[in-house]
Amino acid sequence: MSSLLDLAPVVPVVVVDDVETAVPMARALVAGGLPVIEVTLRTEAGLESIRRIAAEVEGAVVGAGTVRRPADVEAAVEAGSRFLVSPGSPAALVDEMIASGVPFLPGVATATEVMVLFERGLREMKFFPAEQAGGVNYLKALGGPLPEVRFCPTGGIRLATAPAYLALPNVGCVGGTWLTPAAALAAGDYAAIEKLAAEAATLR
């Protein structure tokens, strides 16, 4: 698989409460042009949703988000995750993600965290929480001393603010929660989700 950061301009960050919505939601996102889908492990339905999407949705590149513990890594990979995303980067978790052999984006919010991972040979990271941690200006500043590192900023980004991030040379894609509104999922309005995905897919 080529770099996660180059597959789509926006990675939907999805919280699934009802596992029955996972497959039709993923199909809507893929149809709209966003094949990379991060299903968070914040709910009981997370792992089973990954399992179903991996097995049933053609064209989807599904991964696990909110990976917080080493045990999460094994469970996510076993469920069919093709990538892993963590909110932070404690050493034991990074060790486990490296050992998994699966592409991953460890979470960082400071220059020191970026440099620690850079020293370990990592060049692609998640910048989180993006808006709260300094947003576009902070990432622009990091690009000076650390031009080799590329980011997927996530956290507080919306359709209107995504282009400013995507214009930065050290940003490959952004993560967004706006693509799968809870109300649309609850109502089974997958056409609305496909429309939101199609809008986001044109950002780059």
N, C-alpha and C. Protein backbone atom coordinates (compact mmCIF):
# COMPACT_ATOMS: atom_id res chain seq x y z
N MET A 1 0.86 -1.19 0.00
CA MET A 1 0.00 0.00 0.00
C MET A 1 0.89 1.24 0.00
N SER A 2 0.55 2.22 -0.84
CA SER A 2 1.31 3.47 -0.82
C SER A 2 1.02 4.21 0.49
N SER A 3 1.68 5.31 0.71
CA SER A 3 1.53 6.03 1.97
C SER A 3 0.06 6.35 2.24
N LEU A 4 -0.33 6.12 3.49
CA LEU A 4 -1.69 6.46 3.91
C LEU A 4 -2.03 7.91 3.61
N LEU A 5 -1.01 8.76 3.73
CA LEU A 5 -1.24 10.19 3.59
C LEU A 5 -1.55 10.60 2.15
N ASP A 6 -1.33 9.69 1.21
CA ASP A 6 -1.51 10.03 -0.20
C ASP A 6 -2.75 9.40 -0.83
N LEU A 7 -3.50 8.62 -0.06
CA LEU A 7 -4.63 7.89 -0.65
C LEU A 7 -5.88 8.75 -0.82
N ALA A 8 -6.05 9.73 0.03
CA ALA A 8 -7.24 10.61 -0.05
C ALA A 8 -6.94 11.88 0.73
N PRO A 9 -7.55 13.01 0.36
CA PRO A 9 -7.27 14.25 1.08
C PRO A 9 -7.85 14.27 2.49
N VAL A 10 -8.93 13.51 2.69
CA VAL A 10 -9.59 13.49 3.99
C VAL A 10 -9.82 12.04 4.43
N VAL A 11 -9.48 11.77 5.68
CA VAL A 11 -9.77 10.46 6.28
C VAL A 11 -10.94 10.64 7.24
N PRO A 12 -12.09 10.03 6.94
CA PRO A 12 -13.20 10.11 7.88
C PRO A 12 -12.85 9.42 9.19
N VAL A 13 -13.05 10.13 10.30
CA VAL A 13 -12.83 9.56 11.63
C VAL A 13 -14.22 9.24 12.18
N VAL A 14 -14.49 7.95 12.32
CA VAL A 14 -15.86 7.49 12.53
C VAL A 14 -16.03 6.86 13.90
N VAL A 15 -17.10 7.24 14.58
CA VAL A 15 -17.51 6.60 15.83
C VAL A 15 -18.79 5.82 15.53
N VAL A 16 -18.72 4.50 15.63
CA VAL A 16 -19.88 3.66 15.31
C VAL A 16 -20.53 3.17 16.60
N ASP A 17 -21.80 3.50 16.78
CA ASP A 17 -22.55 3.01 17.93
C ASP A 17 -23.32 1.74 17.60
N ASP A 18 -23.82 1.65 16.39
CA ASP A 18 -24.60 0.50 15.94
C ASP A 18 -23.85 -0.19 14.81
N VAL A 19 -23.39 -1.41 15.06
CA VAL A 19 -22.56 -2.11 14.07
C VAL A 19 -23.28 -2.31 12.74
N GLU A 20 -24.60 -2.32 12.76
CA GLU A 20 -25.36 -2.52 11.52
C GLU A 20 -25.21 -1.34 10.56
N THR A 21 -24.77 -0.21 11.06
CA THR A 21 -24.58 0.96 10.18
C THR A 21 -23.21 0.97 9.52
N ALA A 22 -22.29 0.12 9.98
CA ALA A 22 -20.89 0.21 9.55
C ALA A 22 -20.73 -0.02 8.05
N VAL A 23 -21.30 -1.09 7.53
CA VAL A 23 -21.09 -1.42 6.12
C VAL A 23 -21.74 -0.41 5.19
N PRO A 24 -23.03 -0.06 5.36
CA PRO A 24 -23.61 0.94 4.46
C PRO A 24 -22.93 2.30 4.57
N MET A 25 -22.48 2.67 5.78
CA MET A 25 -21.75 3.93 5.95
C MET A 25 -20.45 3.90 5.16
N ALA A 26 -19.70 2.80 5.28
CA ALA A 26 -18.42 2.68 4.58
C ALA A 26 -18.63 2.68 3.07
N ARG A 27 -19.68 2.01 2.61
CA ARG A 27 -19.96 2.01 1.17
C ARG A 27 -20.26 3.41 0.67
N ALA A 28 -20.96 4.19 1.47
CA ALA A 28 -21.27 5.58 1.09
C ALA A 28 -20.01 6.42 1.01
N LEU A 29 -19.10 6.23 1.96
CA LEU A 29 -17.85 6.99 1.96
C LEU A 29 -16.98 6.64 0.75
N VAL A 30 -16.88 5.34 0.45
CA VAL A 30 -16.10 4.90 -0.71
C VAL A 30 -16.72 5.42 -1.99
N ALA A 31 -18.05 5.35 -2.08
CA ALA A 31 -18.74 5.84 -3.29
C ALA A 31 -18.52 7.34 -3.48
N GLY A 32 -18.38 8.06 -2.37
CA GLY A 32 -18.14 9.49 -2.45
C GLY A 32 -16.70 9.85 -2.76
N GLY A 33 -15.81 8.86 -2.75
CA GLY A 33 -14.42 9.13 -3.10
C GLY A 33 -13.44 9.12 -1.96
N LEU A 34 -13.88 8.65 -0.78
CA LEU A 34 -12.98 8.60 0.38
C LEU A 34 -12.81 7.14 0.83
N PRO A 35 -11.83 6.43 0.29
CA PRO A 35 -11.69 5.01 0.61
C PRO A 35 -11.04 4.71 1.96
N VAL A 36 -10.27 5.65 2.49
CA VAL A 36 -9.57 5.41 3.76
C VAL A 36 -10.49 5.79 4.91
N ILE A 37 -10.81 4.83 5.77
CA ILE A 37 -11.79 5.04 6.83
C ILE A 37 -11.18 4.64 8.16
N GLU A 38 -11.14 5.58 9.09
CA GLU A 38 -10.64 5.31 10.44
C GLU A 38 -11.83 5.07 11.37
N VAL A 39 -11.99 3.84 11.82
CA VAL A 39 -13.05 3.50 12.77
C VAL A 39 -12.44 3.53 14.16
N THR A 40 -12.93 4.40 15.01
CA THR A 40 -12.34 4.53 16.34
C THR A 40 -12.76 3.38 17.25
N LEU A 41 -11.89 3.08 18.20
CA LEU A 41 -12.18 2.03 19.18
C LEU A 41 -12.80 2.64 20.43
N ARG A 42 -13.62 3.66 20.23
CA ARG A 42 -14.23 4.33 21.39
C ARG A 42 -15.52 3.67 21.83
N THR A 43 -16.06 2.78 21.00
CA THR A 43 -17.33 2.13 21.33
C THR A 43 -17.17 0.61 21.25
N GLU A 44 -18.14 -0.08 21.82
CA GLU A 44 -18.14 -1.55 21.78
C GLU A 44 -18.23 -2.06 20.35
N ALA A 45 -18.82 -1.25 19.46
CA ALA A 45 -19.03 -1.68 18.08
C ALA A 45 -17.80 -1.50 17.19
N GLY A 46 -16.75 -0.88 17.71
CA GLY A 46 -15.59 -0.53 16.89
C GLY A 46 -14.93 -1.70 16.18
N LEU A 47 -14.51 -2.71 16.94
CA LEU A 47 -13.78 -3.82 16.33
C LEU A 47 -14.64 -4.61 15.36
N GLU A 48 -15.89 -4.88 15.73
CA GLU A 48 -16.77 -5.63 14.83
C GLU A 48 -17.06 -4.82 13.57
N SER A 49 -17.15 -3.51 13.70
CA SER A 49 -17.36 -2.66 12.52
C SER A 49 -16.18 -2.77 11.56
N ILE A 50 -14.98 -2.74 12.11
CA ILE A 50 -13.77 -2.91 11.29
C ILE A 50 -13.81 -4.27 10.59
N ARG A 51 -14.17 -5.30 11.33
CA ARG A 51 -14.22 -6.66 10.78
C ARG A 51 -15.18 -6.73 9.59
N ARG A 52 -16.35 -6.14 9.75
CA ARG A 52 -17.36 -6.20 8.69
C ARG A 52 -16.97 -5.37 7.47
N ILE A 53 -16.44 -4.18 7.73
CA ILE A 53 -16.04 -3.33 6.60
C ILE A 53 -14.91 -4.00 5.81
N ALA A 54 -13.95 -4.56 6.53
CA ALA A 54 -12.82 -5.22 5.87
C ALA A 54 -13.29 -6.38 5.00
N ALA A 55 -14.32 -7.08 5.46
CA ALA A 55 -14.79 -8.27 4.75
C ALA A 55 -15.78 -7.95 3.64
N GLU A 56 -16.54 -6.86 3.77
CA GLU A 56 -17.70 -6.66 2.91
C GLU A 56 -17.67 -5.43 2.01
N VAL A 57 -16.77 -4.49 2.24
CA VAL A 57 -16.82 -3.24 1.48
C VAL A 57 -15.65 -3.17 0.50
N GLU A 58 -15.95 -3.38 -0.75
CA GLU A 58 -14.92 -3.36 -1.79
C GLU A 58 -14.35 -1.95 -1.93
N GLY A 59 -13.04 -1.86 -1.99
CA GLY A 59 -12.39 -0.56 -2.18
C GLY A 59 -12.07 0.19 -0.91
N ALA A 60 -12.59 -0.31 0.22
CA ALA A 60 -12.34 0.38 1.48
C ALA A 60 -10.97 0.01 2.05
N VAL A 61 -10.26 1.01 2.58
CA VAL A 61 -9.03 0.79 3.33
C VAL A 61 -9.36 1.17 4.77
N VAL A 62 -9.73 0.18 5.56
CA VAL A 62 -10.23 0.46 6.90
C VAL A 62 -9.13 0.27 7.93
N GLY A 63 -9.11 1.17 8.91
CA GLY A 63 -8.13 1.09 9.99
C GLY A 63 -8.77 1.42 11.32
N ALA A 64 -7.99 1.26 12.37
CA ALA A 64 -8.47 1.51 13.73
C ALA A 64 -7.89 2.80 14.27
N GLY A 65 -8.76 3.62 14.84
CA GLY A 65 -8.33 4.84 15.52
C GLY A 65 -8.53 4.69 17.02
N THR A 66 -8.07 5.69 17.77
CA THR A 66 -8.10 5.65 19.23
C THR A 66 -7.44 4.38 19.75
N VAL A 67 -6.32 4.01 19.13
CA VAL A 67 -5.51 2.89 19.61
C VAL A 67 -4.69 3.42 20.77
N ARG A 68 -4.97 2.93 21.98
CA ARG A 68 -4.35 3.50 23.17
C ARG A 68 -3.43 2.54 23.92
N ARG A 69 -3.66 1.24 23.77
CA ARG A 69 -2.90 0.25 24.53
C ARG A 69 -2.26 -0.76 23.57
N PRO A 70 -1.15 -1.38 23.96
CA PRO A 70 -0.57 -2.41 23.11
C PRO A 70 -1.57 -3.51 22.73
N ALA A 71 -2.46 -3.86 23.65
CA ALA A 71 -3.45 -4.90 23.36
C ALA A 71 -4.40 -4.48 22.25
N ASP A 72 -4.63 -3.17 22.12
CA ASP A 72 -5.51 -2.68 21.05
C ASP A 72 -4.92 -2.99 19.68
N VAL A 73 -3.61 -2.97 19.59
CA VAL A 73 -2.94 -3.19 18.30
C VAL A 73 -3.25 -4.59 17.79
N GLU A 74 -3.05 -5.59 18.63
CA GLU A 74 -3.30 -6.98 18.23
C GLU A 74 -4.76 -7.18 17.86
N ALA A 75 -5.66 -6.62 18.68
CA ALA A 75 -7.09 -6.80 18.42
C ALA A 75 -7.50 -6.14 17.11
N ALA A 76 -6.96 -4.95 16.84
CA ALA A 76 -7.32 -4.22 15.62
C ALA A 76 -6.80 -4.93 14.37
N VAL A 77 -5.57 -5.43 14.43
CA VAL A 77 -5.00 -6.13 13.28
C VAL A 77 -5.76 -7.43 13.04
N GLU A 78 -6.11 -8.12 14.11
CA GLU A 78 -6.86 -9.37 13.98
C GLU A 78 -8.22 -9.13 13.33
N ALA A 79 -8.81 -7.96 13.59
CA ALA A 79 -10.12 -7.63 13.04
C ALA A 79 -10.05 -7.22 11.57
N GLY A 80 -8.84 -6.99 11.07
CA GLY A 80 -8.70 -6.63 9.65
C GLY A 80 -8.23 -5.22 9.39
N SER A 81 -7.79 -4.52 10.43
CA SER A 81 -7.30 -3.15 10.25
C SER A 81 -6.08 -3.13 9.34
N ARG A 82 -6.10 -2.24 8.36
CA ARG A 82 -4.96 -2.10 7.46
C ARG A 82 -4.05 -0.95 7.87
N PHE A 83 -4.47 -0.20 8.89
CA PHE A 83 -3.61 0.83 9.48
C PHE A 83 -4.09 1.10 10.89
N LEU A 84 -3.25 1.80 11.67
CA LEU A 84 -3.54 2.11 13.06
C LEU A 84 -3.28 3.59 13.31
N VAL A 85 -4.10 4.21 14.15
CA VAL A 85 -3.93 5.61 14.49
C VAL A 85 -4.08 5.75 16.01
N SER A 86 -3.13 6.43 16.64
CA SER A 86 -3.20 6.62 18.09
C SER A 86 -3.29 8.11 18.42
N PRO A 87 -3.94 8.45 19.54
CA PRO A 87 -4.03 9.85 19.93
C PRO A 87 -2.72 10.40 20.49
N GLY A 88 -1.86 9.52 20.98
CA GLY A 88 -0.56 9.91 21.53
C GLY A 88 0.47 8.87 21.18
N SER A 89 1.68 8.99 21.74
CA SER A 89 2.75 8.10 21.31
C SER A 89 3.62 7.60 22.46
N PRO A 90 3.02 6.98 23.50
CA PRO A 90 3.85 6.37 24.54
C PRO A 90 4.73 5.27 23.95
N ALA A 91 5.92 5.10 24.49
CA ALA A 91 6.93 4.22 23.88
C ALA A 91 6.44 2.79 23.70
N ALA A 92 5.76 2.22 24.70
CA ALA A 92 5.32 0.82 24.61
C ALA A 92 4.31 0.64 23.48
N LEU A 93 3.44 1.62 23.30
CA LEU A 93 2.45 1.54 22.23
C LEU A 93 3.13 1.65 20.86
N VAL A 94 4.06 2.57 20.74
CA VAL A 94 4.79 2.72 19.47
C VAL A 94 5.56 1.44 19.16
N ASP A 95 6.18 0.83 20.17
CA ASP A 95 6.89 -0.44 19.97
C ASP A 95 5.95 -1.48 19.37
N GLU A 96 4.75 -1.57 19.93
CA GLU A 96 3.79 -2.59 19.48
C GLU A 96 3.30 -2.29 18.06
N MET A 97 3.10 -1.01 17.75
CA MET A 97 2.65 -0.66 16.41
C MET A 97 3.73 -0.95 15.38
N ILE A 98 4.98 -0.68 15.72
CA ILE A 98 6.07 -1.00 14.82
C ILE A 98 6.13 -2.52 14.59
N ALA A 99 6.01 -3.28 15.68
CA ALA A 99 6.10 -4.75 15.60
C ALA A 99 4.97 -5.35 14.78
N SER A 100 3.83 -4.66 14.72
CA SER A 100 2.67 -5.21 14.01
C SER A 100 2.91 -5.33 12.50
N GLY A 101 3.80 -4.49 11.98
CA GLY A 101 4.05 -4.49 10.54
C GLY A 101 2.99 -3.76 9.73
N VAL A 102 2.01 -3.19 10.42
CA VAL A 102 0.91 -2.46 9.76
C VAL A 102 1.25 -0.97 9.76
N PRO A 103 0.95 -0.23 8.68
CA PRO A 103 1.19 1.21 8.69
C PRO A 103 0.46 1.88 9.86
N PHE A 104 1.08 2.90 10.44
CA PHE A 104 0.42 3.56 11.57
C PHE A 104 0.80 5.03 11.64
N LEU A 105 -0.08 5.78 12.28
CA LEU A 105 0.13 7.21 12.50
C LEU A 105 0.10 7.45 14.01
N PRO A 106 1.26 7.61 14.65
CA PRO A 106 1.28 7.89 16.07
C PRO A 106 0.94 9.35 16.33
N GLY A 107 0.19 9.61 17.38
CA GLY A 107 -0.24 10.97 17.66
C GLY A 107 0.84 11.81 18.32
N VAL A 108 0.97 13.06 17.86
CA VAL A 108 1.91 14.01 18.44
C VAL A 108 1.24 15.38 18.55
N ALA A 109 1.71 16.17 19.51
CA ALA A 109 1.20 17.53 19.65
C ALA A 109 2.29 18.55 19.92
N THR A 110 3.55 18.08 20.09
CA THR A 110 4.66 18.98 20.40
C THR A 110 5.88 18.65 19.54
N ALA A 111 6.77 19.61 19.43
CA ALA A 111 8.01 19.41 18.67
C ALA A 111 8.84 18.28 19.28
N THR A 112 8.86 18.18 20.61
CA THR A 112 9.64 17.12 21.25
C THR A 112 9.10 15.74 20.88
N GLU A 113 7.78 15.59 20.90
CA GLU A 113 7.19 14.30 20.53
C GLU A 113 7.54 13.94 19.08
N VAL A 114 7.48 14.92 18.21
CA VAL A 114 7.85 14.68 16.80
C VAL A 114 9.30 14.24 16.71
N MET A 115 10.18 14.91 17.44
CA MET A 115 11.61 14.60 17.36
C MET A 115 11.94 13.22 17.93
N VAL A 116 11.24 12.83 19.00
CA VAL A 116 11.45 11.49 19.57
C VAL A 116 11.10 10.42 18.55
N LEU A 117 9.98 10.58 17.85
CA LEU A 117 9.58 9.60 16.84
C LEU A 117 10.49 9.68 15.62
N PHE A 118 10.91 10.88 15.27
CA PHE A 118 11.84 11.06 14.15
C PHE A 118 13.13 10.29 14.39
N GLU A 119 13.63 10.34 15.63
CA GLU A 119 14.85 9.61 15.99
C GLU A 119 14.67 8.10 15.84
N ARG A 120 13.42 7.65 15.92
CA ARG A 120 13.14 6.21 15.77
C ARG A 120 12.89 5.84 14.30
N GLY A 121 13.05 6.81 13.41
CA GLY A 121 12.92 6.52 11.99
C GLY A 121 11.53 6.76 11.43
N LEU A 122 10.63 7.29 12.23
CA LEU A 122 9.26 7.52 11.76
C LEU A 122 9.15 8.89 11.09
N ARG A 123 8.40 8.93 10.00
CA ARG A 123 8.29 10.16 9.21
C ARG A 123 6.85 10.59 8.96
N GLU A 124 5.89 9.77 9.37
CA GLU A 124 4.47 10.12 9.17
C GLU A 124 3.75 10.01 10.51
N MET A 125 3.03 11.06 10.88
CA MET A 125 2.42 11.13 12.21
C MET A 125 1.06 11.81 12.13
N LYS A 126 0.28 11.60 13.18
CA LYS A 126 -0.99 12.30 13.34
C LYS A 126 -0.74 13.50 14.25
N PHE A 127 -1.18 14.68 13.84
CA PHE A 127 -1.08 15.88 14.68
C PHE A 127 -2.42 16.06 15.35
N PHE A 128 -2.45 15.89 16.69
CA PHE A 128 -3.72 15.88 17.43
C PHE A 128 -3.53 16.46 18.82
N PRO A 129 -4.53 17.22 19.31
CA PRO A 129 -5.72 17.73 18.62
C PRO A 129 -5.36 18.98 17.82
N ALA A 130 -5.54 18.92 16.53
CA ALA A 130 -4.96 19.90 15.61
C ALA A 130 -5.32 21.34 15.93
N GLU A 131 -6.59 21.64 15.97
CA GLU A 131 -6.99 23.04 16.18
C GLU A 131 -6.54 23.53 17.56
N GLN A 132 -6.74 22.69 18.56
CA GLN A 132 -6.42 23.10 19.93
C GLN A 132 -4.91 23.19 20.17
N ALA A 133 -4.13 22.43 19.40
CA ALA A 133 -2.68 22.39 19.62
C ALA A 133 -1.91 23.42 18.80
N GLY A 134 -2.62 24.26 18.05
CA GLY A 134 -1.93 25.33 17.33
C GLY A 134 -2.24 25.40 15.85
N GLY A 135 -2.93 24.37 15.34
CA GLY A 135 -3.46 24.43 13.98
C GLY A 135 -2.44 24.64 12.88
N VAL A 136 -2.89 25.34 11.85
CA VAL A 136 -2.09 25.56 10.65
C VAL A 136 -0.76 26.25 10.97
N ASN A 137 -0.79 27.26 11.80
CA ASN A 137 0.44 28.02 12.10
C ASN A 137 1.48 27.15 12.81
N TYR A 138 1.02 26.28 13.69
CA TYR A 138 1.95 25.41 14.40
C TYR A 138 2.61 24.43 13.44
N LEU A 139 1.81 23.82 12.55
CA LEU A 139 2.37 22.88 11.58
C LEU A 139 3.33 23.58 10.62
N LYS A 140 2.99 24.80 10.26
CA LYS A 140 3.88 25.58 9.39
C LYS A 140 5.22 25.80 10.08
N ALA A 141 5.19 26.09 11.38
CA ALA A 141 6.42 26.31 12.14
C ALA A 141 7.23 25.02 12.26
N LEU A 142 6.57 23.88 12.44
CA LEU A 142 7.28 22.61 12.55
C LEU A 142 8.01 22.25 11.25
N GLY A 143 7.47 22.73 10.13
CA GLY A 143 8.05 22.41 8.83
C GLY A 143 9.45 22.98 8.64
N GLY A 144 9.79 24.02 9.40
CA GLY A 144 11.13 24.60 9.28
C GLY A 144 12.21 23.65 9.75
N PRO A 145 12.21 23.27 11.05
CA PRO A 145 13.26 22.40 11.55
C PRO A 145 13.08 20.93 11.22
N LEU A 146 11.83 20.53 10.85
CA LEU A 146 11.56 19.10 10.62
C LEU A 146 10.85 18.90 9.28
N PRO A 147 11.48 19.30 8.19
CA PRO A 147 10.80 19.26 6.89
C PRO A 147 10.53 17.84 6.37
N GLU A 148 11.22 16.84 6.94
CA GLU A 148 11.04 15.47 6.45
C GLU A 148 9.77 14.81 6.97
N VAL A 149 9.17 15.40 8.01
CA VAL A 149 8.00 14.76 8.65
C VAL A 149 6.71 15.26 8.01
N ARG A 150 5.81 14.31 7.73
CA ARG A 150 4.49 14.66 7.19
C ARG A 150 3.41 14.26 8.18
N PHE A 151 2.32 15.02 8.13
CA PHE A 151 1.28 14.86 9.15
C PHE A 151 -0.10 14.65 8.55
N CYS A 152 -0.94 13.99 9.39
CA CYS A 152 -2.39 13.97 9.18
C CYS A 152 -2.99 14.68 10.39
N PRO A 153 -3.24 15.99 10.29
CA PRO A 153 -3.85 16.69 11.41
C PRO A 153 -5.31 16.28 11.59
N THR A 154 -5.70 16.09 12.84
CA THR A 154 -7.05 15.67 13.18
C THR A 154 -7.47 16.36 14.46
N GLY A 155 -8.72 16.76 14.52
CA GLY A 155 -9.23 17.38 15.74
C GLY A 155 -9.72 18.79 15.50
N GLY A 156 -11.03 18.94 15.38
CA GLY A 156 -11.63 20.26 15.19
C GLY A 156 -11.61 20.78 13.77
N ILE A 157 -11.15 19.96 12.81
CA ILE A 157 -11.07 20.42 11.42
C ILE A 157 -12.42 20.21 10.74
N ARG A 158 -12.79 21.17 9.91
CA ARG A 158 -14.07 21.12 9.20
C ARG A 158 -13.82 21.31 7.71
N LEU A 159 -14.87 21.16 6.94
CA LEU A 159 -14.76 21.32 5.49
C LEU A 159 -14.16 22.68 5.14
N ALA A 160 -14.59 23.72 5.86
CA ALA A 160 -14.14 25.08 5.55
C ALA A 160 -12.68 25.33 5.92
N THR A 161 -12.18 24.61 6.92
CA THR A 161 -10.81 24.86 7.39
C THR A 161 -9.80 23.86 6.83
N ALA A 162 -10.27 22.76 6.27
CA ALA A 162 -9.37 21.72 5.75
C ALA A 162 -8.43 22.23 4.66
N PRO A 163 -8.86 23.07 3.71
CA PRO A 163 -7.96 23.49 2.63
C PRO A 163 -6.69 24.18 3.12
N ALA A 164 -6.77 24.95 4.19
CA ALA A 164 -5.58 25.64 4.70
C ALA A 164 -4.55 24.64 5.21
N TYR A 165 -5.01 23.55 5.81
CA TYR A 165 -4.08 22.49 6.23
C TYR A 165 -3.49 21.78 5.01
N LEU A 166 -4.35 21.42 4.07
CA LEU A 166 -3.90 20.65 2.91
C LEU A 166 -2.94 21.43 2.02
N ALA A 167 -2.93 22.75 2.16
CA ALA A 167 -2.01 23.58 1.37
C ALA A 167 -0.58 23.53 1.91
N LEU A 168 -0.41 23.04 3.14
CA LEU A 168 0.94 22.98 3.73
C LEU A 168 1.73 21.82 3.12
N PRO A 169 3.01 22.02 2.84
CA PRO A 169 3.81 20.94 2.24
C PRO A 169 4.01 19.75 3.16
N ASN A 170 3.88 19.94 4.48
CA ASN A 170 4.09 18.82 5.41
C ASN A 170 2.78 18.18 5.86
N VAL A 171 1.70 18.45 5.16
CA VAL A 171 0.41 17.81 5.45
C VAL A 171 0.00 16.96 4.25
N GLY A 172 -0.22 15.68 4.50
CA GLY A 172 -0.63 14.79 3.41
C GLY A 172 -2.13 14.67 3.29
N CYS A 173 -2.81 14.65 4.45
CA CYS A 173 -4.26 14.56 4.48
C CYS A 173 -4.72 15.07 5.84
N VAL A 174 -6.03 15.22 6.01
CA VAL A 174 -6.58 15.60 7.30
C VAL A 174 -7.59 14.56 7.74
N GLY A 175 -7.79 14.46 9.03
CA GLY A 175 -8.84 13.59 9.57
C GLY A 175 -10.04 14.43 9.94
N GLY A 176 -11.23 13.91 9.66
CA GLY A 176 -12.43 14.70 9.94
C GLY A 176 -13.59 13.86 10.45
N THR A 177 -14.28 14.40 11.45
CA THR A 177 -15.45 13.71 11.98
C THR A 177 -16.75 14.22 11.36
N TRP A 178 -16.64 15.27 10.53
CA TRP A 178 -17.87 15.89 10.00
C TRP A 178 -18.53 15.04 8.91
N LEU A 179 -17.84 14.02 8.43
CA LEU A 179 -18.34 13.27 7.27
C LEU A 179 -19.43 12.27 7.62
N THR A 180 -19.52 11.88 8.88
CA THR A 180 -20.52 10.90 9.29
C THR A 180 -21.30 11.42 10.49
N PRO A 181 -22.15 12.42 10.28
CA PRO A 181 -22.90 12.99 11.40
C PRO A 181 -23.75 11.93 12.10
N ALA A 182 -23.80 12.00 13.42
CA ALA A 182 -24.56 11.01 14.19
C ALA A 182 -26.02 10.97 13.75
N ALA A 183 -26.58 12.14 13.43
CA ALA A 183 -27.99 12.17 13.02
C ALA A 183 -28.20 11.43 11.71
N ALA A 184 -27.26 11.57 10.76
CA ALA A 184 -27.38 10.88 9.48
C ALA A 184 -27.25 9.37 9.67
N LEU A 185 -26.32 8.95 10.53
CA LEU A 185 -26.17 7.52 10.80
C LEU A 185 -27.43 6.96 11.46
N ALA A 186 -27.96 7.70 12.44
CA ALA A 186 -29.15 7.22 13.16
C ALA A 186 -30.35 7.11 12.23
N ALA A 187 -30.42 8.02 11.24
CA ALA A 187 -31.57 8.02 10.32
C ALA A 187 -31.35 7.11 9.12
N GLY A 188 -30.14 6.55 9.00
CA GLY A 188 -29.83 5.73 7.83
C GLY A 188 -29.75 6.55 6.55
N ASP A 189 -29.37 7.83 6.69
CA ASP A 189 -29.29 8.72 5.53
C ASP A 189 -27.89 8.62 4.91
N TYR A 190 -27.65 7.53 4.22
CA TYR A 190 -26.32 7.29 3.66
C TYR A 190 -26.07 8.15 2.42
N ALA A 191 -27.13 8.62 1.80
CA ALA A 191 -26.96 9.54 0.66
C ALA A 191 -26.31 10.84 1.14
N ALA A 192 -26.70 11.30 2.32
CA ALA A 192 -26.11 12.52 2.87
C ALA A 192 -24.62 12.31 3.16
N ILE A 193 -24.27 11.13 3.64
CA ILE A 193 -22.87 10.82 3.93
C ILE A 193 -22.07 10.76 2.64
N GLU A 194 -22.64 10.15 1.61
CA GLU A 194 -21.94 10.09 0.32
C GLU A 194 -21.72 11.50 -0.23
N LYS A 195 -22.70 12.38 -0.05
CA LYS A 195 -22.56 13.76 -0.55
C LYS A 195 -21.45 14.49 0.20
N LEU A 196 -21.39 14.32 1.52
CA LEU A 196 -20.33 14.96 2.30
C LEU A 196 -18.96 14.43 1.88
N ALA A 197 -18.88 13.13 1.61
CA ALA A 197 -17.62 12.54 1.17
C ALA A 197 -17.20 13.09 -0.18
N ALA A 198 -18.17 13.23 -1.08
CA ALA A 198 -17.86 13.75 -2.43
C ALA A 198 -17.34 15.18 -2.35
N GLU A 199 -17.90 15.99 -1.45
CA GLU A 199 -17.40 17.37 -1.27
C GLU A 199 -15.95 17.35 -0.78
N ALA A 200 -15.68 16.49 0.20
CA ALA A 200 -14.35 16.44 0.79
C ALA A 200 -13.32 15.88 -0.19
N ALA A 201 -13.74 14.96 -1.04
CA ALA A 201 -12.81 14.31 -1.98
C ALA A 201 -12.28 15.29 -3.01
N THR A 202 -12.93 16.42 -3.19
CA THR A 202 -12.48 17.42 -4.18
C THR A 202 -11.49 18.42 -3.60
N LEU A 203 -11.15 18.28 -2.32
CA LEU A 203 -10.29 19.27 -1.66
C LEU A 203 -8.86 19.24 -2.17
N ARG A 204 -8.47 18.14 -2.84
CA ARG A 204 -7.11 18.10 -3.38
C ARG A 204 -7.12 17.41 -4.74
